[in-house]
Structures are given as C-alpha cells and as structure tokens.
PDB file of N, CA and C in Angstrom:
ATOM      1  N   MET A   1       0.853  -1.185   0.000  1.00  0.00           N
ATOM      2  CA  MET A   1       0.000   0.000   0.000  1.00  0.00           C
ATOM      3  C   MET A   1       0.887   1.232   0.000  1.00  0.00           C
ATOM      4  N   SER A   2       0.591   2.181  -0.903  1.00  0.00           N
ATOM      5  CA  SER A   2       1.430   3.373  -1.001  1.00  0.00           C
ATOM      6  C   SER A   2       0.923   4.469  -0.070  1.00  0.00           C
ATOM      7  N   LYS A   3       1.881   5.272   0.358  1.00  0.00           N
ATOM      8  CA  LYS A   3       1.533   6.391   1.231  1.00  0.00           C
ATOM      9  C   LYS A   3       1.064   7.564   0.391  1.00  0.00           C
ATOM     10  N   LYS A   4       0.146   8.323   0.924  1.00  0.00           N
ATOM     11  CA  LYS A   4      -0.323   9.534   0.251  1.00  0.00           C
ATOM     12  C   LYS A   4       0.684  10.649   0.519  1.00  0.00           C
ATOM     13  N   ASN A   5       1.087  11.318  -0.517  1.00  0.00           N
ATOM     14  CA  ASN A   5       2.040  12.416  -0.377  1.00  0.00           C
ATOM     15  C   ASN A   5       1.302  13.621   0.193  1.00  0.00           C
ATOM     16  N   ILE A   6       1.659  14.056   1.374  1.00  0.00           N
ATOM     17  CA  ILE A   6       0.967  15.179   2.011  1.00  0.00           C
ATOM     18  C   ILE A   6       1.325  16.514   1.361  1.00  0.00           C
ATOM     19  N   ASN A   7       2.363  16.530   0.515  1.00  0.00           N
ATOM     20  CA  ASN A   7       2.765  17.758  -0.163  1.00  0.00           C
ATOM     21  C   ASN A   7       2.049  17.956  -1.491  1.00  0.00           C
ATOM     22  N   THR A   8       1.234  17.015  -1.899  1.00  0.00           N
ATOM     23  CA  THR A   8       0.514  17.098  -3.167  1.00  0.00           C
ATOM     24  C   THR A   8      -0.806  17.831  -2.950  1.00  0.00           C
ATOM     25  N   ILE A   9      -1.093  18.752  -3.856  1.00  0.00           N
ATOM     26  CA  ILE A   9      -2.380  19.448  -3.771  1.00  0.00           C
ATOM     27  C   ILE A   9      -3.261  18.977  -4.923  1.00  0.00           C
ATOM     28  N   SER A  10      -4.521  19.058  -4.717  1.00  0.00           N
ATOM     29  CA  SER A  10      -5.466  18.661  -5.747  1.00  0.00           C
ATOM     30  C   SER A  10      -5.834  19.881  -6.580  1.00  0.00           C
ATOM     31  N   LEU A  11      -5.752  19.727  -7.896  1.00  0.00           N
ATOM     32  CA  LEU A  11      -6.142  20.818  -8.787  1.00  0.00           C
ATOM     33  C   LEU A  11      -7.609  20.714  -9.188  1.00  0.00           C
ATOM     34  N   LYS A  12      -8.237  19.629  -8.787  1.00  0.00           N
ATOM     35  CA  LYS A  12      -9.642  19.429  -9.125  1.00  0.00           C
ATOM     36  C   LYS A  12     -10.492  20.402  -8.320  1.00  0.00           C
ATOM     37  N   LYS A  13     -11.318  21.137  -9.022  1.00  0.00           N
ATOM     38  CA  LYS A  13     -12.190  22.100  -8.342  1.00  0.00           C
ATOM     39  C   LYS A  13     -13.406  21.379  -7.802  1.00  0.00           C
ATOM     40  N   SER A  14     -13.774  21.732  -6.603  1.00  0.00           N
ATOM     41  CA  SER A  14     -15.002  21.155  -6.074  1.00  0.00           C
ATOM     42  C   SER A  14     -16.131  22.104  -6.442  1.00  0.00           C
ATOM     43  N   GLY A  15     -17.055  21.608  -7.203  1.00  0.00           N
ATOM     44  CA  GLY A  15     -18.170  22.425  -7.656  1.00  0.00           C
ATOM     45  C   GLY A  15     -19.408  21.568  -7.743  1.00  0.00           C
ATOM     46  N   PRO A  16     -20.448  22.115  -8.302  1.00  0.00           N
ATOM     47  CA  PRO A  16     -21.685  21.349  -8.400  1.00  0.00           C
ATOM     48  C   PRO A  16     -21.508  20.157  -9.335  1.00  0.00           C
ATOM     49  N   ALA A  17     -22.257  19.125  -9.068  1.00  0.00           N
ATOM     50  CA  ALA A  17     -22.222  17.948  -9.921  1.00  0.00           C
ATOM     51  C   ALA A  17     -22.691  18.331 -11.319  1.00  0.00           C
ATOM     52  N   ALA A  18     -22.257  17.586 -12.312  1.00  0.00           N
ATOM     53  CA  ALA A  18     -22.617  17.883 -13.699  1.00  0.00           C
ATOM     54  C   ALA A  18     -24.129  17.889 -13.895  1.00  0.00           C
ATOM     55  N   THR A  19     -24.829  17.025 -13.202  1.00  0.00           N
ATOM     56  CA  THR A  19     -26.282  16.990 -13.348  1.00  0.00           C
ATOM     57  C   THR A  19     -26.911  18.275 -12.829  1.00  0.00           C
ATOM     58  N   GLU A  20     -26.366  18.837 -11.749  1.00  0.00           N
ATOM     59  CA  GLU A  20     -26.869  20.109 -11.234  1.00  0.00           C
ATOM     60  C   GLU A  20     -26.625  21.220 -12.244  1.00  0.00           C
ATOM     61  N   THR A  21     -25.439  21.209 -12.847  1.00  0.00           N
ATOM     62  CA  THR A  21     -25.104  22.228 -13.831  1.00  0.00           C
ATOM     63  C   THR A  21     -26.012  22.120 -15.044  1.00  0.00           C
ATOM     64  N   SER A  22     -26.225  20.913 -15.527  1.00  0.00           N
ATOM     65  CA  SER A  22     -27.098  20.708 -16.684  1.00  0.00           C
ATOM     66  C   SER A  22     -28.524  21.174 -16.386  1.00  0.00           C
ATOM     67  N   LEU A  23     -28.996  20.862 -15.202  1.00  0.00           N
ATOM     68  CA  LEU A  23     -30.334  21.284 -14.803  1.00  0.00           C
ATOM     69  C   LEU A  23     -30.410  22.807 -14.742  1.00  0.00           C
ATOM     70  N   SER A  24     -29.376  23.436 -14.187  1.00  0.00           N
ATOM     71  CA  SER A  24     -29.336  24.891 -14.092  1.00  0.00           C
ATOM     72  C   SER A  24     -29.353  25.533 -15.479  1.00  0.00           C
ATOM     73  N   ILE A  25     -28.570  24.981 -16.400  1.00  0.00           N
ATOM     74  CA  ILE A  25     -28.534  25.522 -17.777  1.00  0.00           C
ATOM     75  C   ILE A  25     -29.899  25.363 -18.430  1.00  0.00           C
ATOM     76  N   ALA A  26     -30.533  24.211 -18.243  1.00  0.00           N
ATOM     77  CA  ALA A  26     -31.855  23.973 -18.825  1.00  0.00           C
ATOM     78  C   ALA A  26     -32.871  24.966 -18.268  1.00  0.00           C
ATOM     79  N   GLU A  27     -32.813  25.230 -16.957  1.00  0.00           N
ATOM     80  CA  GLU A  27     -33.741  26.182 -16.341  1.00  0.00           C
ATOM     81  C   GLU A  27     -33.492  27.601 -16.862  1.00  0.00           C
ATOM     82  N   GLN A  28     -32.220  27.985 -16.967  1.00  0.00           N
ATOM     83  CA  GLN A  28     -31.889  29.323 -17.466  1.00  0.00           C
ATOM     84  C   GLN A  28     -32.323  29.493 -18.915  1.00  0.00           C
ATOM     85  N   THR A  29     -32.142  28.446 -19.711  1.00  0.00           N
ATOM     86  CA  THR A  29     -32.539  28.487 -21.118  1.00  0.00           C
ATOM     87  C   THR A  29     -34.056  28.636 -21.235  1.00  0.00           C
ATOM     88  N   ALA A  30     -34.777  27.874 -20.449  1.00  0.00           N
ATOM     89  CA  ALA A  30     -36.243  27.945 -20.472  1.00  0.00           C
ATOM     90  C   ALA A  30     -36.709  29.351 -20.078  1.00  0.00           C
ATOM     91  N   ALA A  31     -36.099  29.931 -19.049  1.00  0.00           N
ATOM     92  CA  ALA A  31     -36.476  31.280 -18.618  1.00  0.00           C
ATOM     93  C   ALA A  31     -36.153  32.308 -19.704  1.00  0.00           C
ATOM     94  N   PHE A  32     -35.026  32.147 -20.365  1.00  0.00           N
ATOM     95  CA  PHE A  32     -34.636  33.053 -21.446  1.00  0.00           C
ATOM     96  C   PHE A  32     -35.642  33.002 -22.584  1.00  0.00           C
ATOM     97  N   LEU A  33     -36.011  31.798 -23.005  1.00  0.00           N
ATOM     98  CA  LEU A  33     -36.975  31.652 -24.098  1.00  0.00           C
ATOM     99  C   LEU A  33     -38.353  32.174 -23.689  1.00  0.00           C
ATOM    100  N   LYS A  34     -38.746  31.927 -22.448  1.00  0.00           N
ATOM    101  CA  LYS A  34     -40.056  32.386 -21.962  1.00  0.00           C
ATOM    102  C   LYS A  34     -40.126  33.915 -21.945  1.00  0.00           C
ATOM    103  N   SER A  35     -38.972  34.572 -21.697  1.00  0.00           N
ATOM    104  CA  SER A  35     -38.962  36.036 -21.640  1.00  0.00           C
ATOM    105  C   SER A  35     -38.897  36.669 -23.030  1.00  0.00           C
ATOM    106  N   GLY A  36     -38.956  35.825 -24.067  1.00  0.00           N
ATOM    107  CA  GLY A  36     -38.963  36.369 -25.426  1.00  0.00           C
ATOM    108  C   GLY A  36     -37.630  36.251 -26.140  1.00  0.00           C
ATOM    109  N   GLY A  37     -36.654  35.664 -25.492  1.00  0.00           N
ATOM    110  CA  GLY A  37     -35.351  35.497 -26.120  1.00  0.00           C
ATOM    111  C   GLY A  37     -35.405  34.470 -27.231  1.00  0.00           C
ATOM    112  N   ALA A  38     -34.450  34.531 -28.108  1.00  0.00           N
ATOM    113  CA  ALA A  38     -34.376  33.582 -29.216  1.00  0.00           C
ATOM    114  C   ALA A  38     -32.957  33.023 -29.286  1.00  0.00           C
ATOM    115  N   ILE A  39     -32.866  31.802 -29.749  1.00  0.00           N
ATOM    116  CA  ILE A  39     -31.573  31.150 -29.891  1.00  0.00           C
ATOM    117  C   ILE A  39     -31.298  30.968 -31.377  1.00  0.00           C
ATOM    118  N   ASP A  40     -30.172  31.498 -31.832  1.00  0.00           N
ATOM    119  CA  ASP A  40     -29.756  31.333 -33.220  1.00  0.00           C
ATOM    120  C   ASP A  40     -28.906  30.077 -33.326  1.00  0.00           C
ATOM    121  N   GLU A  41     -29.157  29.293 -34.354  1.00  0.00           N
ATOM    122  CA  GLU A  41     -28.347  28.105 -34.573  1.00  0.00           C
ATOM    123  C   GLU A  41     -27.189  28.470 -35.489  1.00  0.00           C
ATOM    124  N   ILE A  42     -25.994  28.199 -35.049  1.00  0.00           N
ATOM    125  CA  ILE A  42     -24.791  28.489 -35.813  1.00  0.00           C
ATOM    126  C   ILE A  42     -24.385  27.216 -36.545  1.00  0.00           C
ATOM    127  N   PRO A  43     -24.196  27.303 -37.855  1.00  0.00           N
ATOM    128  CA  PRO A  43     -23.813  26.099 -38.604  1.00  0.00           C
ATOM    129  C   PRO A  43     -22.484  25.535 -38.121  1.00  0.00           C
ATOM    130  N   SER A  44     -22.354  24.241 -38.209  1.00  0.00           N
ATOM    131  CA  SER A  44     -21.121  23.570 -37.825  1.00  0.00           C
ATOM    132  C   SER A  44     -19.968  24.100 -38.673  1.00  0.00           C
ATOM    133  N   GLY A  45     -18.839  24.333 -38.038  1.00  0.00           N
ATOM    134  CA  GLY A  45     -17.660  24.807 -38.758  1.00  0.00           C
ATOM    135  C   GLY A  45     -17.520  26.315 -38.798  1.00  0.00           C
ATOM    136  N   VAL A  46     -18.521  27.039 -38.330  1.00  0.00           N
ATOM    137  CA  VAL A  46     -18.472  28.492 -38.330  1.00  0.00           C
ATOM    138  C   VAL A  46     -17.844  28.947 -37.019  1.00  0.00           C
ATOM    139  N   SER A  47     -16.965  29.921 -37.098  1.00  0.00           N
ATOM    140  CA  SER A  47     -16.277  30.415 -35.914  1.00  0.00           C
ATOM    141  C   SER A  47     -16.622  31.875 -35.686  1.00  0.00           C
ATOM    142  N   GLY A  48     -16.602  32.281 -34.449  1.00  0.00           N
ATOM    143  CA  GLY A  48     -16.800  33.683 -34.109  1.00  0.00           C
ATOM    144  C   GLY A  48     -15.512  34.472 -34.193  1.00  0.00           C
ATOM    145  N   GLN A  49     -14.409  33.779 -34.434  1.00  0.00           N
ATOM    146  CA  GLN A  49     -13.111  34.431 -34.521  1.00  0.00           C
ATOM    147  C   GLN A  49     -12.966  35.117 -35.874  1.00  0.00           C
ATOM    148  N   ILE A  50     -12.390  36.301 -35.867  1.00  0.00           N
ATOM    149  CA  ILE A  50     -12.123  37.030 -37.098  1.00  0.00           C
ATOM    150  C   ILE A  50     -10.745  36.607 -37.596  1.00  0.00           C
ATOM    151  N   SER A  51     -10.651  36.277 -38.876  1.00  0.00           N
ATOM    152  CA  SER A  51      -9.375  35.842 -39.432  1.00  0.00           C
ATOM    153  C   SER A  51      -8.399  37.017 -39.472  1.00  0.00           C
ATOM    154  N   LEU A  52      -7.119  36.697 -39.577  1.00  0.00           N
ATOM    155  CA  LEU A  52      -6.103  37.743 -39.639  1.00  0.00           C
ATOM    156  C   LEU A  52      -6.312  38.632 -40.861  1.00  0.00           C
ATOM    157  N   GLY A  53      -6.695  38.039 -41.976  1.00  0.00           N
ATOM    158  CA  GLY A  53      -6.956  38.824 -43.185  1.00  0.00           C
ATOM    159  C   GLY A  53      -8.110  39.790 -42.985  1.00  0.00           C
ATOM    160  N   GLU A  54      -9.153  39.329 -42.316  1.00  0.00           N
ATOM    161  CA  GLU A  54     -10.309  40.180 -42.036  1.00  0.00           C
ATOM    162  C   GLU A  54      -9.936  41.301 -41.077  1.00  0.00           C
ATOM    163  N   LYS A  55      -9.120  40.982 -40.065  1.00  0.00           N
ATOM    164  CA  LYS A  55      -8.671  42.019 -39.127  1.00  0.00           C
ATOM    165  C   LYS A  55      -7.873  43.088 -39.859  1.00  0.00           C
ATOM    166  N   ALA A  56      -7.010  42.658 -40.771  1.00  0.00           N
ATOM    167  CA  ALA A  56      -6.195  43.607 -41.533  1.00  0.00           C
ATOM    168  C   ALA A  56      -7.082  44.479 -42.408  1.00  0.00           C
ATOM    169  N   ARG A  57      -8.093  43.874 -43.043  1.00  0.00           N
ATOM    170  CA  ARG A  57      -9.006  44.645 -43.898  1.00  0.00           C
ATOM    171  C   ARG A  57      -9.776  45.674 -43.077  1.00  0.00           C
ATOM    172  N   LEU A  58     -10.267  45.264 -41.912  1.00  0.00           N
ATOM    173  CA  LEU A  58     -11.015  46.190 -41.052  1.00  0.00           C
ATOM    174  C   LEU A  58     -10.127  47.331 -40.562  1.00  0.00           C
ATOM    175  N   ALA A  59      -8.880  47.012 -40.203  1.00  0.00           N
ATOM    176  CA  ALA A  59      -7.948  48.049 -39.752  1.00  0.00           C
ATOM    177  C   ALA A  59      -7.642  49.021 -40.882  1.00  0.00           C
ATOM    178  N   ARG A  60      -7.464  48.497 -42.101  1.00  0.00           N
ATOM    179  CA  ARG A  60      -7.194  49.354 -43.259  1.00  0.00           C
ATOM    180  C   ARG A  60      -8.383  50.275 -43.538  1.00  0.00           C
ATOM    181  N   GLU A  61      -9.592  49.717 -43.506  1.00  0.00           N
ATOM    182  CA  GLU A  61     -10.785  50.534 -43.744  1.00  0.00           C
ATOM    183  C   GLU A  61     -10.926  51.622 -42.681  1.00  0.00           C
ATOM    184  N   GLU A  62     -10.642  51.287 -41.440  1.00  0.00           N
ATOM    185  CA  GLU A  62     -10.740  52.272 -40.361  1.00  0.00           C
ATOM    186  C   GLU A  62      -9.701  53.377 -40.555  1.00  0.00           C
ATOM    187  N   ARG A  63      -8.475  52.988 -40.918  1.00  0.00           N
ATOM    188  CA  ARG A  63      -7.410  53.965 -41.151  1.00  0.00           C
ATOM    189  C   ARG A  63      -7.767  54.875 -42.324  1.00  0.00           C
ATOM    190  N   GLU A  64      -8.308  54.293 -43.407  1.00  0.00           N
ATOM    191  CA  GLU A  64      -8.694  55.084 -44.574  1.00  0.00           C
ATOM    192  C   GLU A  64      -9.819  56.051 -44.237  1.00  0.00           C
ATOM    193  N   ALA A  65     -10.767  55.614 -43.417  1.00  0.00           N
ATOM    194  CA  ALA A  65     -11.881  56.483 -43.024  1.00  0.00           C
ATOM    195  C   ALA A  65     -11.366  57.660 -42.199  1.00  0.00           C
ATOM    196  N   LYS A  66     -10.405  57.389 -41.298  1.00  0.00           N
ATOM    197  CA  LYS A  66      -9.833  58.469 -40.484  1.00  0.00           C
ATOM    198  C   LYS A  66      -9.071  59.459 -41.364  1.00  0.00           C
ATOM    199  N   GLU A  67      -8.314  58.929 -42.325  1.00  0.00           N
ATOM    200  CA  GLU A  67      -7.563  59.802 -43.237  1.00  0.00           C
ATOM    201  C   GLU A  67      -8.504  60.669 -44.064  1.00  0.00           C
ATOM    202  N   LYS A  68      -9.587  60.073 -44.530  1.00  0.00           N
ATOM    203  CA  LYS A  68     -10.566  60.819 -45.333  1.00  0.00           C
ATOM    204  C   LYS A  68     -11.218  61.917 -44.491  1.00  0.00           C
ATOM    205  N   ALA A  69     -11.558  61.594 -43.250  1.00  0.00           N
ATOM    206  CA  ALA A  69     -12.174  62.581 -42.361  1.00  0.00           C
ATOM    207  C   ALA A  69     -11.203  63.724 -42.099  1.00  0.00           C
ATOM    208  N   LEU A  70      -9.914  63.385 -41.918  1.00  0.00           N
ATOM    209  CA  LEU A  70      -8.895  64.409 -41.688  1.00  0.00           C
ATOM    210  C   LEU A  70      -8.729  65.289 -42.925  1.00  0.00           C
ATOM    211  N   GLN A  71      -8.761  64.681 -44.117  1.00  0.00           N
ATOM    212  CA  GLN A  71      -8.659  65.456 -45.357  1.00  0.00           C
ATOM    213  C   GLN A  71      -9.844  66.398 -45.517  1.00  0.00           C
ATOM    214  N   ASN A  72     -11.042  65.898 -45.195  1.00  0.00           N
ATOM    215  CA  ASN A  72     -12.250  66.745 -45.279  1.00  0.00           C
ATOM    216  C   ASN A  72     -12.165  67.900 -44.289  1.00  0.00           C
ATOM    217  N   GLU A  73     -11.655  67.609 -43.100  1.00  0.00           N
ATOM    218  CA  GLU A  73     -11.520  68.649 -42.078  1.00  0.00           C
ATOM    219  C   GLU A  73     -10.515  69.707 -42.537  1.00  0.00           C
ATOM    220  N   ASN A  74      -9.407  69.273 -43.130  1.00  0.00           N
ATOM    221  CA  ASN A  74      -8.389  70.197 -43.624  1.00  0.00           C
ATOM    222  C   ASN A  74      -8.908  71.023 -44.808  1.00  0.00           C
ATOM    223  N   ALA A  75      -9.742  70.405 -45.656  1.00  0.00           N
ATOM    224  CA  ALA A  75     -10.290  71.099 -46.815  1.00  0.00           C
ATOM    225  C   ALA A  75     -11.268  72.193 -46.347  1.00  0.00           C
ATOM    226  N   GLU A  76     -12.003  71.932 -45.273  1.00  0.00           N
ATOM    227  CA  GLU A  76     -12.946  72.913 -44.743  1.00  0.00           C
ATOM    228  C   GLU A  76     -12.200  74.093 -44.115  1.00  0.00           C
ATOM    229  N   ASP A  77     -11.039  73.822 -43.542  1.00  0.00           N
ATOM    230  CA  ASP A  77     -10.254  74.868 -42.902  1.00  0.00           C
ATOM    231  C   ASP A  77      -9.586  75.789 -43.935  1.00  0.00           C
ATOM    232  N   SER A  78      -9.394  75.297 -45.172  1.00  0.00           N
ATOM    233  CA  SER A  78      -8.695  76.094 -46.195  1.00  0.00           C
ATOM    234  C   SER A  78      -9.561  77.147 -46.802  1.00  0.00           C
TER     235      SER A  78
END
C-alpha cells in the first residue's frame, strides 16, 4: 500500500455535480426563451473568430476612413 504524499495538492475544483449544472442551464434556457429570447443556430464549422486577413481589412478601412475625415476637415479649414 502506497503512502499519500501530504505535499501534493489537488487541482480538481469542487463544484456542483454535472447533473446540477445541466439542470441549471436547462432552467436558465427555459427562462430566457419564456422572456422572449431567441436562440440562433450556428452552422457547424463556423467560428466567431475574425481571421487575420479580415482584421487587416477592417484596420485598413478604419485607417482610410480616419484619413478621409482628416482630409475633409483640412479642406474645410482652407
């Protein structure tokens, strides 16, 4: 029989059982729908993450819009 190492800590969190959590989620979902909320179904494979290319495009558009606004402001001052 092996001895238990008293210097070892448990990283396992003590929380509600999975069944309690599932029940809680089901109750919250039911309350949300009853209050008029709607759930959108997201197709499989779709991510909420913006790709690097999309981030670059959005940053470029924002920079161009700021430059255009600055040019318009300078044109009004002339």
